[in-house]
């Protein structure tokens, strides 16, 4: 959890310290991830199981490609957001997605929720929807300060 929390801040530092593009950062992240995965999966004894699973379930290749595509698009979008708006906006966006997902889930599945928690959730959802229009979100055309 700590590494994930630091990720967007390190990405922001990389963008400020260099002229790397989001696609370059994404390529580096994915290549490094692959370099770490293969020896780790082999040393844990899970590599042969994973390959055997894919061999037994031929349709898993399409599912894995879709998951990989989704991951790549998400990684590129995150890098672009950090480069354009900074890590604080990415955190706000991800939190907003979770809050709206919870509101939708509450509406669709009729979860039991205490009255006070429901009011807090509605208030937070309203803030999430109104904050961009109220100027909370800095535009990409405004220059970013070097202090984050």
N, C-alpha and C. Protein backbone atom coordinates (compact mmCIF):
# COMPACT_ATOMS: atom_id res chain seq x y z
N UNK A 1 0.83 -1.19 0.00
CA UNK A 1 0.00 0.00 0.00
C UNK A 1 0.88 1.25 0.00
N UNK A 2 1.95 1.22 0.77
CA UNK A 2 2.84 2.38 0.83
C UNK A 2 3.50 2.63 -0.53
N UNK A 3 3.95 1.55 -1.18
CA UNK A 3 4.57 1.71 -2.51
C UNK A 3 3.59 2.29 -3.50
N UNK A 4 2.34 1.82 -3.46
CA UNK A 4 1.32 2.34 -4.37
C UNK A 4 1.04 3.81 -4.08
N UNK A 5 1.05 4.18 -2.80
CA UNK A 5 0.82 5.58 -2.43
C UNK A 5 1.95 6.49 -2.91
N UNK A 6 3.15 5.98 -2.95
CA UNK A 6 4.29 6.78 -3.39
C UNK A 6 4.43 6.83 -4.91
N UNK A 7 3.78 5.92 -5.60
CA UNK A 7 3.96 5.79 -7.05
C UNK A 7 3.71 7.09 -7.81
N UNK A 8 2.56 7.71 -7.61
CA UNK A 8 2.25 8.92 -8.39
C UNK A 8 3.17 10.08 -8.02
N UNK A 9 3.64 10.12 -6.77
CA UNK A 9 4.56 11.19 -6.38
C UNK A 9 5.93 11.00 -7.02
N UNK A 10 6.39 9.76 -7.10
CA UNK A 10 7.66 9.48 -7.78
C UNK A 10 7.52 9.78 -9.27
N UNK A 11 6.38 9.41 -9.85
CA UNK A 11 6.12 9.71 -11.26
C UNK A 11 6.16 11.22 -11.49
N UNK A 12 5.55 11.99 -10.60
CA UNK A 12 5.56 13.44 -10.72
C UNK A 12 6.98 13.98 -10.67
N UNK A 13 7.80 13.44 -9.77
CA UNK A 13 9.19 13.86 -9.68
C UNK A 13 9.93 13.57 -10.98
N UNK A 14 9.69 12.39 -11.55
CA UNK A 14 10.34 12.02 -12.82
C UNK A 14 9.94 13.00 -13.92
N UNK A 15 8.66 13.35 -13.98
CA UNK A 15 8.20 14.28 -15.02
C UNK A 15 8.81 15.66 -14.83
N UNK A 16 8.96 16.10 -13.57
CA UNK A 16 9.53 17.43 -13.33
C UNK A 16 11.04 17.45 -13.55
N UNK A 17 11.71 16.34 -13.28
CA UNK A 17 13.17 16.30 -13.40
C UNK A 17 13.64 15.97 -14.81
N UNK A 18 12.75 15.49 -15.66
CA UNK A 18 13.14 15.13 -17.02
C UNK A 18 12.05 15.57 -17.99
N UNK A 19 12.30 15.34 -19.25
CA UNK A 19 11.29 15.67 -20.25
C UNK A 19 10.63 14.41 -20.81
N UNK A 20 10.52 13.38 -19.96
CA UNK A 20 9.91 12.12 -20.40
C UNK A 20 8.43 12.31 -20.68
N UNK A 21 7.95 11.57 -21.65
CA UNK A 21 6.54 11.56 -22.02
C UNK A 21 5.85 10.42 -21.28
N UNK A 22 4.51 10.50 -21.10
CA UNK A 22 3.80 9.42 -20.41
C UNK A 22 4.02 8.04 -21.03
N UNK A 23 4.09 7.97 -22.36
CA UNK A 23 4.30 6.67 -23.00
C UNK A 23 5.68 6.10 -22.66
N UNK A 24 6.68 6.96 -22.53
CA UNK A 24 8.02 6.50 -22.16
C UNK A 24 8.03 5.96 -20.73
N UNK A 25 7.34 6.65 -19.84
CA UNK A 25 7.25 6.19 -18.45
C UNK A 25 6.51 4.86 -18.41
N UNK A 26 5.41 4.76 -19.15
CA UNK A 26 4.63 3.53 -19.17
C UNK A 26 5.47 2.36 -19.70
N UNK A 27 6.20 2.57 -20.77
CA UNK A 27 7.04 1.51 -21.33
C UNK A 27 8.08 1.06 -20.31
N UNK A 28 8.71 2.01 -19.65
CA UNK A 28 9.70 1.66 -18.63
C UNK A 28 9.09 0.88 -17.47
N UNK A 29 7.93 1.30 -17.01
CA UNK A 29 7.25 0.60 -15.91
C UNK A 29 6.89 -0.83 -16.31
N UNK A 30 6.32 -0.99 -17.49
CA UNK A 30 5.89 -2.32 -17.92
C UNK A 30 7.08 -3.23 -18.18
N UNK A 31 8.16 -2.72 -18.76
CA UNK A 31 9.35 -3.54 -18.99
C UNK A 31 9.97 -3.97 -17.67
N UNK A 32 10.08 -3.04 -16.73
CA UNK A 32 10.65 -3.37 -15.43
C UNK A 32 9.77 -4.38 -14.70
N UNK A 33 8.46 -4.22 -14.82
CA UNK A 33 7.52 -5.16 -14.21
C UNK A 33 7.72 -6.57 -14.77
N UNK A 34 7.91 -6.68 -16.07
CA UNK A 34 8.14 -7.98 -16.69
C UNK A 34 9.46 -8.58 -16.23
N UNK A 35 10.50 -7.75 -16.14
CA UNK A 35 11.82 -8.23 -15.70
C UNK A 35 11.74 -8.76 -14.27
N UNK A 36 10.96 -8.12 -13.43
CA UNK A 36 10.81 -8.57 -12.04
C UNK A 36 9.91 -9.80 -11.96
N UNK A 37 8.86 -9.85 -12.80
CA UNK A 37 7.88 -10.95 -12.73
C UNK A 37 8.49 -12.31 -13.02
N UNK A 38 9.21 -12.45 -14.13
CA UNK A 38 9.66 -13.78 -14.56
C UNK A 38 10.52 -14.48 -13.51
N UNK A 39 11.57 -13.86 -12.99
CA UNK A 39 12.36 -14.56 -11.96
C UNK A 39 11.56 -14.80 -10.66
N UNK A 40 10.72 -13.85 -10.30
CA UNK A 40 9.92 -14.00 -9.08
C UNK A 40 8.94 -15.15 -9.21
N UNK A 41 8.22 -15.22 -10.33
CA UNK A 41 7.26 -16.31 -10.54
C UNK A 41 7.98 -17.66 -10.62
N UNK A 42 9.15 -17.69 -11.23
CA UNK A 42 9.91 -18.93 -11.32
C UNK A 42 10.40 -19.37 -9.95
N UNK A 43 10.94 -18.43 -9.15
CA UNK A 43 11.49 -18.79 -7.84
C UNK A 43 10.40 -19.22 -6.86
N UNK A 44 9.19 -18.71 -7.02
CA UNK A 44 8.07 -19.10 -6.16
C UNK A 44 7.41 -20.40 -6.62
N UNK A 45 7.78 -20.88 -7.78
CA UNK A 45 7.19 -22.10 -8.30
C UNK A 45 5.83 -21.89 -8.96
N UNK A 46 5.47 -20.65 -9.22
CA UNK A 46 4.16 -20.36 -9.80
C UNK A 46 4.19 -20.21 -11.32
N UNK A 47 5.36 -20.09 -11.90
CA UNK A 47 5.44 -19.88 -13.34
C UNK A 47 4.91 -21.09 -14.11
N UNK A 48 5.32 -22.29 -13.71
CA UNK A 48 4.84 -23.48 -14.42
C UNK A 48 3.34 -23.67 -14.24
N UNK A 49 2.82 -23.33 -13.05
CA UNK A 49 1.37 -23.41 -12.82
C UNK A 49 0.61 -22.44 -13.72
N UNK A 50 1.14 -21.23 -13.85
CA UNK A 50 0.48 -20.22 -14.68
C UNK A 50 0.47 -20.63 -16.15
N UNK A 51 1.60 -21.14 -16.63
CA UNK A 51 1.68 -21.58 -18.02
C UNK A 51 0.76 -22.78 -18.25
N UNK A 52 0.73 -23.71 -17.30
CA UNK A 52 -0.14 -24.88 -17.42
C UNK A 52 -1.61 -24.46 -17.42
N UNK A 53 -1.97 -23.50 -16.59
CA UNK A 53 -3.35 -23.01 -16.56
C UNK A 53 -3.74 -22.43 -17.92
N UNK A 54 -2.87 -21.61 -18.48
CA UNK A 54 -3.16 -21.02 -19.80
C UNK A 54 -3.27 -22.10 -20.87
N UNK A 55 -2.49 -23.17 -20.73
CA UNK A 55 -2.59 -24.28 -21.68
C UNK A 55 -3.90 -25.04 -21.56
N UNK A 56 -4.38 -25.22 -20.32
CA UNK A 56 -5.64 -25.93 -20.10
C UNK A 56 -6.85 -25.10 -20.50
N UNK A 57 -6.75 -23.80 -20.32
CA UNK A 57 -7.88 -22.90 -20.59
C UNK A 57 -7.49 -21.96 -21.72
N UNK A 58 -7.68 -22.41 -22.93
CA UNK A 58 -7.25 -21.64 -24.11
C UNK A 58 -7.91 -20.27 -24.18
N UNK A 59 -9.15 -20.15 -23.70
CA UNK A 59 -9.85 -18.86 -23.74
C UNK A 59 -9.23 -17.83 -22.80
N UNK A 60 -8.37 -18.27 -21.88
CA UNK A 60 -7.76 -17.33 -20.93
C UNK A 60 -6.85 -16.33 -21.64
N UNK A 61 -6.32 -16.69 -22.81
CA UNK A 61 -5.46 -15.77 -23.55
C UNK A 61 -6.17 -14.49 -23.93
N UNK A 62 -7.42 -14.61 -24.39
CA UNK A 62 -8.20 -13.42 -24.76
C UNK A 62 -8.50 -12.58 -23.52
N UNK A 63 -8.85 -13.24 -22.43
CA UNK A 63 -9.14 -12.52 -21.19
C UNK A 63 -7.89 -11.80 -20.70
N UNK A 64 -6.74 -12.47 -20.75
CA UNK A 64 -5.50 -11.84 -20.32
C UNK A 64 -5.12 -10.66 -21.21
N UNK A 65 -5.38 -10.79 -22.51
CA UNK A 65 -5.11 -9.66 -23.42
C UNK A 65 -6.00 -8.47 -23.09
N UNK A 66 -7.27 -8.72 -22.79
CA UNK A 66 -8.18 -7.63 -22.42
C UNK A 66 -7.75 -6.99 -21.11
N UNK A 67 -7.35 -7.80 -20.13
CA UNK A 67 -6.86 -7.25 -18.87
C UNK A 67 -5.58 -6.45 -19.08
N UNK A 68 -4.69 -6.95 -19.95
CA UNK A 68 -3.46 -6.23 -20.26
C UNK A 68 -3.74 -4.91 -20.95
N UNK A 69 -4.69 -4.91 -21.89
CA UNK A 69 -5.07 -3.68 -22.57
C UNK A 69 -5.66 -2.68 -21.58
N UNK A 70 -6.52 -3.17 -20.71
CA UNK A 70 -7.11 -2.30 -19.69
C UNK A 70 -6.04 -1.72 -18.77
N UNK A 71 -5.10 -2.55 -18.37
CA UNK A 71 -4.01 -2.09 -17.51
C UNK A 71 -3.15 -1.05 -18.22
N UNK A 72 -2.86 -1.28 -19.49
CA UNK A 72 -2.03 -0.34 -20.25
C UNK A 72 -2.72 1.01 -20.42
N UNK A 73 -4.01 0.97 -20.74
CA UNK A 73 -4.76 2.23 -20.89
C UNK A 73 -4.81 2.97 -19.56
N UNK A 74 -5.04 2.23 -18.47
CA UNK A 74 -5.07 2.85 -17.14
C UNK A 74 -3.73 3.44 -16.75
N UNK A 75 -2.65 2.71 -17.06
CA UNK A 75 -1.30 3.19 -16.75
C UNK A 75 -0.98 4.46 -17.53
N UNK A 76 -1.32 4.46 -18.82
CA UNK A 76 -1.06 5.64 -19.65
C UNK A 76 -1.90 6.83 -19.18
N UNK A 77 -3.16 6.57 -18.84
CA UNK A 77 -4.03 7.65 -18.35
C UNK A 77 -3.49 8.21 -17.04
N UNK A 78 -3.05 7.35 -16.14
CA UNK A 78 -2.51 7.82 -14.86
C UNK A 78 -1.26 8.66 -15.07
N UNK A 79 -0.37 8.19 -15.94
CA UNK A 79 0.86 8.95 -16.21
C UNK A 79 0.54 10.30 -16.85
N UNK A 80 -0.42 10.33 -17.75
CA UNK A 80 -0.82 11.58 -18.40
C UNK A 80 -1.44 12.54 -17.38
N UNK A 81 -2.27 12.02 -16.49
CA UNK A 81 -2.90 12.86 -15.47
C UNK A 81 -1.84 13.42 -14.53
N UNK A 82 -0.89 12.59 -14.09
CA UNK A 82 0.16 13.07 -13.19
C UNK A 82 0.99 14.14 -13.89
N UNK A 83 1.33 13.92 -15.16
CA UNK A 83 2.14 14.91 -15.88
C UNK A 83 1.39 16.22 -16.07
N UNK A 84 0.10 16.15 -16.36
CA UNK A 84 -0.68 17.36 -16.65
C UNK A 84 -1.17 18.07 -15.39
N UNK A 85 -1.62 17.31 -14.41
CA UNK A 85 -2.28 17.91 -13.24
C UNK A 85 -1.57 17.68 -11.92
N UNK A 86 -0.71 16.69 -11.83
CA UNK A 86 0.00 16.39 -10.59
C UNK A 86 -0.62 15.23 -9.84
N UNK A 87 0.12 14.72 -8.85
CA UNK A 87 -0.34 13.54 -8.12
C UNK A 87 -1.56 13.79 -7.24
N UNK A 88 -1.75 15.02 -6.78
CA UNK A 88 -2.92 15.30 -5.94
C UNK A 88 -4.21 15.11 -6.73
N UNK A 89 -4.22 15.56 -7.99
CA UNK A 89 -5.42 15.39 -8.80
C UNK A 89 -5.68 13.92 -9.10
N UNK A 90 -4.61 13.14 -9.35
CA UNK A 90 -4.80 11.71 -9.58
C UNK A 90 -5.41 11.05 -8.35
N UNK A 91 -4.92 11.41 -7.16
CA UNK A 91 -5.50 10.86 -5.93
C UNK A 91 -6.96 11.25 -5.80
N UNK A 92 -7.28 12.50 -6.10
CA UNK A 92 -8.67 12.97 -6.04
C UNK A 92 -9.54 12.20 -7.04
N UNK A 93 -9.03 12.00 -8.23
CA UNK A 93 -9.78 11.29 -9.26
C UNK A 93 -10.05 9.84 -8.86
N UNK A 94 -9.03 9.16 -8.33
CA UNK A 94 -9.20 7.77 -7.92
C UNK A 94 -10.16 7.66 -6.74
N UNK A 95 -10.08 8.60 -5.80
CA UNK A 95 -11.01 8.61 -4.68
C UNK A 95 -12.43 8.87 -5.17
N UNK A 96 -12.58 9.76 -6.12
CA UNK A 96 -13.89 10.07 -6.68
C UNK A 96 -14.51 8.84 -7.33
N UNK A 97 -13.69 8.11 -8.05
CA UNK A 97 -14.18 6.89 -8.70
C UNK A 97 -14.70 5.89 -7.67
N UNK A 98 -13.98 5.75 -6.56
CA UNK A 98 -14.41 4.81 -5.52
C UNK A 98 -15.71 5.27 -4.86
N UNK A 99 -15.83 6.57 -4.60
CA UNK A 99 -17.04 7.09 -3.96
C UNK A 99 -18.24 6.91 -4.88
N UNK A 100 -18.08 7.26 -6.15
CA UNK A 100 -19.20 7.10 -7.09
C UNK A 100 -19.55 5.63 -7.29
N UNK A 101 -18.56 4.77 -7.27
CA UNK A 101 -18.82 3.33 -7.36
C UNK A 101 -19.64 2.86 -6.17
N UNK A 102 -19.33 3.38 -4.99
CA UNK A 102 -20.09 3.02 -3.79
C UNK A 102 -21.52 3.52 -3.87
N UNK A 103 -21.72 4.74 -4.35
CA UNK A 103 -23.07 5.29 -4.49
C UNK A 103 -23.88 4.45 -5.48
N UNK A 104 -23.28 4.10 -6.60
CA UNK A 104 -23.98 3.27 -7.59
C UNK A 104 -24.32 1.90 -7.00
N UNK A 105 -23.37 1.32 -6.29
CA UNK A 105 -23.61 0.02 -5.65
C UNK A 105 -24.74 0.11 -4.63
N UNK A 106 -24.76 1.20 -3.87
CA UNK A 106 -25.84 1.39 -2.88
C UNK A 106 -27.20 1.45 -3.57
N UNK A 107 -27.25 2.15 -4.69
CA UNK A 107 -28.51 2.29 -5.41
C UNK A 107 -28.96 1.00 -6.07
N UNK A 108 -28.02 0.27 -6.65
CA UNK A 108 -28.37 -0.96 -7.37
C UNK A 108 -28.68 -2.14 -6.45
N UNK A 109 -27.92 -2.26 -5.36
CA UNK A 109 -28.04 -3.45 -4.52
C UNK A 109 -28.71 -3.19 -3.17
N UNK A 110 -29.14 -1.96 -2.94
CA UNK A 110 -29.89 -1.59 -1.72
C UNK A 110 -29.20 -2.06 -0.45
N UNK A 111 -27.92 -1.71 -0.29
CA UNK A 111 -27.18 -2.05 0.93
C UNK A 111 -27.75 -1.28 2.11
N UNK A 112 -27.70 -1.90 3.29
CA UNK A 112 -28.11 -1.20 4.51
C UNK A 112 -26.98 -0.27 4.92
N UNK A 113 -27.32 0.99 5.16
CA UNK A 113 -26.32 1.99 5.53
C UNK A 113 -26.94 2.89 6.58
N UNK A 114 -26.23 3.15 7.69
CA UNK A 114 -26.77 4.07 8.70
C UNK A 114 -27.05 5.45 8.10
N UNK A 115 -28.05 6.12 8.65
CA UNK A 115 -28.50 7.42 8.15
C UNK A 115 -27.35 8.42 8.06
N UNK A 116 -26.54 8.53 9.10
CA UNK A 116 -25.44 9.50 9.11
C UNK A 116 -24.40 9.16 8.04
N UNK A 117 -24.10 7.89 7.87
CA UNK A 117 -23.15 7.48 6.83
C UNK A 117 -23.70 7.79 5.44
N UNK A 118 -24.99 7.59 5.25
CA UNK A 118 -25.62 7.91 3.97
C UNK A 118 -25.53 9.39 3.66
N UNK A 119 -25.78 10.23 4.67
CA UNK A 119 -25.67 11.69 4.48
C UNK A 119 -24.23 12.09 4.13
N UNK A 120 -23.27 11.48 4.81
CA UNK A 120 -21.86 11.78 4.53
C UNK A 120 -21.50 11.35 3.10
N UNK A 121 -22.00 10.20 2.69
CA UNK A 121 -21.72 9.71 1.34
C UNK A 121 -22.33 10.61 0.27
N UNK A 122 -23.56 11.05 0.50
CA UNK A 122 -24.21 11.96 -0.45
C UNK A 122 -23.46 13.29 -0.52
N UNK A 123 -23.03 13.81 0.64
CA UNK A 123 -22.28 15.07 0.66
C UNK A 123 -20.95 14.93 -0.08
N UNK A 124 -20.26 13.84 0.17
CA UNK A 124 -18.99 13.61 -0.50
C UNK A 124 -19.18 13.44 -2.00
N UNK A 125 -20.23 12.75 -2.39
CA UNK A 125 -20.53 12.57 -3.81
C UNK A 125 -20.83 13.91 -4.48
N UNK A 126 -21.58 14.76 -3.79
CA UNK A 126 -21.88 16.09 -4.34
C UNK A 126 -20.59 16.89 -4.53
N UNK A 127 -19.69 16.81 -3.55
CA UNK A 127 -18.41 17.52 -3.66
C UNK A 127 -17.61 16.99 -4.85
N UNK A 128 -17.58 15.67 -5.01
CA UNK A 128 -16.84 15.05 -6.10
C UNK A 128 -17.36 15.53 -7.45
N UNK A 129 -18.67 15.69 -7.57
CA UNK A 129 -19.25 16.12 -8.84
C UNK A 129 -19.12 17.62 -9.08
N UNK A 130 -19.10 18.42 -8.02
CA UNK A 130 -19.10 19.88 -8.15
C UNK A 130 -17.68 20.46 -8.12
N UNK A 131 -16.73 19.80 -7.49
CA UNK A 131 -15.38 20.35 -7.31
C UNK A 131 -14.71 20.77 -8.62
N UNK A 132 -14.78 19.97 -9.69
CA UNK A 132 -14.12 20.43 -10.92
C UNK A 132 -14.69 21.74 -11.46
N UNK A 133 -16.00 21.92 -11.36
CA UNK A 133 -16.62 23.15 -11.85
C UNK A 133 -16.30 24.34 -10.95
N UNK A 134 -16.02 24.07 -9.68
CA UNK A 134 -15.75 25.14 -8.73
C UNK A 134 -14.32 25.62 -8.72
N UNK A 135 -13.49 25.12 -9.59
CA UNK A 135 -12.12 25.59 -9.67
C UNK A 135 -11.15 24.79 -8.81
N UNK A 136 -11.61 23.73 -8.15
CA UNK A 136 -10.71 22.91 -7.35
C UNK A 136 -9.67 22.25 -8.25
N UNK A 137 -10.08 21.91 -9.44
CA UNK A 137 -9.20 21.22 -10.38
C UNK A 137 -8.44 22.25 -11.21
N UNK A 138 -7.12 22.17 -11.17
CA UNK A 138 -6.29 23.07 -11.96
C UNK A 138 -6.28 22.60 -13.41
N UNK A 139 -6.36 23.51 -14.32
CA UNK A 139 -6.38 23.16 -15.74
C UNK A 139 -4.98 22.80 -16.24
N UNK A 140 -4.92 21.97 -17.26
CA UNK A 140 -3.63 21.51 -17.80
C UNK A 140 -2.85 22.65 -18.42
N UNK A 141 -3.52 23.73 -18.82
CA UNK A 141 -2.83 24.83 -19.47
C UNK A 141 -2.11 25.72 -18.46
N UNK A 142 -2.47 25.62 -17.18
CA UNK A 142 -1.80 26.42 -16.17
C UNK A 142 -0.45 25.79 -15.85
N UNK A 143 0.58 26.60 -15.68
CA UNK A 143 1.88 26.02 -15.36
C UNK A 143 1.88 25.41 -13.97
N UNK A 144 2.54 24.26 -13.85
CA UNK A 144 2.64 23.59 -12.56
C UNK A 144 3.82 24.15 -11.81
N UNK A 145 3.66 24.35 -10.52
CA UNK A 145 4.77 24.82 -9.71
C UNK A 145 5.71 23.65 -9.44
N UNK A 146 6.95 23.92 -9.13
CA UNK A 146 7.94 22.87 -8.90
C UNK A 146 7.79 22.21 -7.53
N UNK A 147 6.99 22.78 -6.63
CA UNK A 147 6.83 22.19 -5.30
C UNK A 147 5.70 21.19 -5.24
N UNK A 148 5.06 20.84 -6.36
CA UNK A 148 4.07 19.78 -6.40
C UNK A 148 2.70 20.30 -6.36
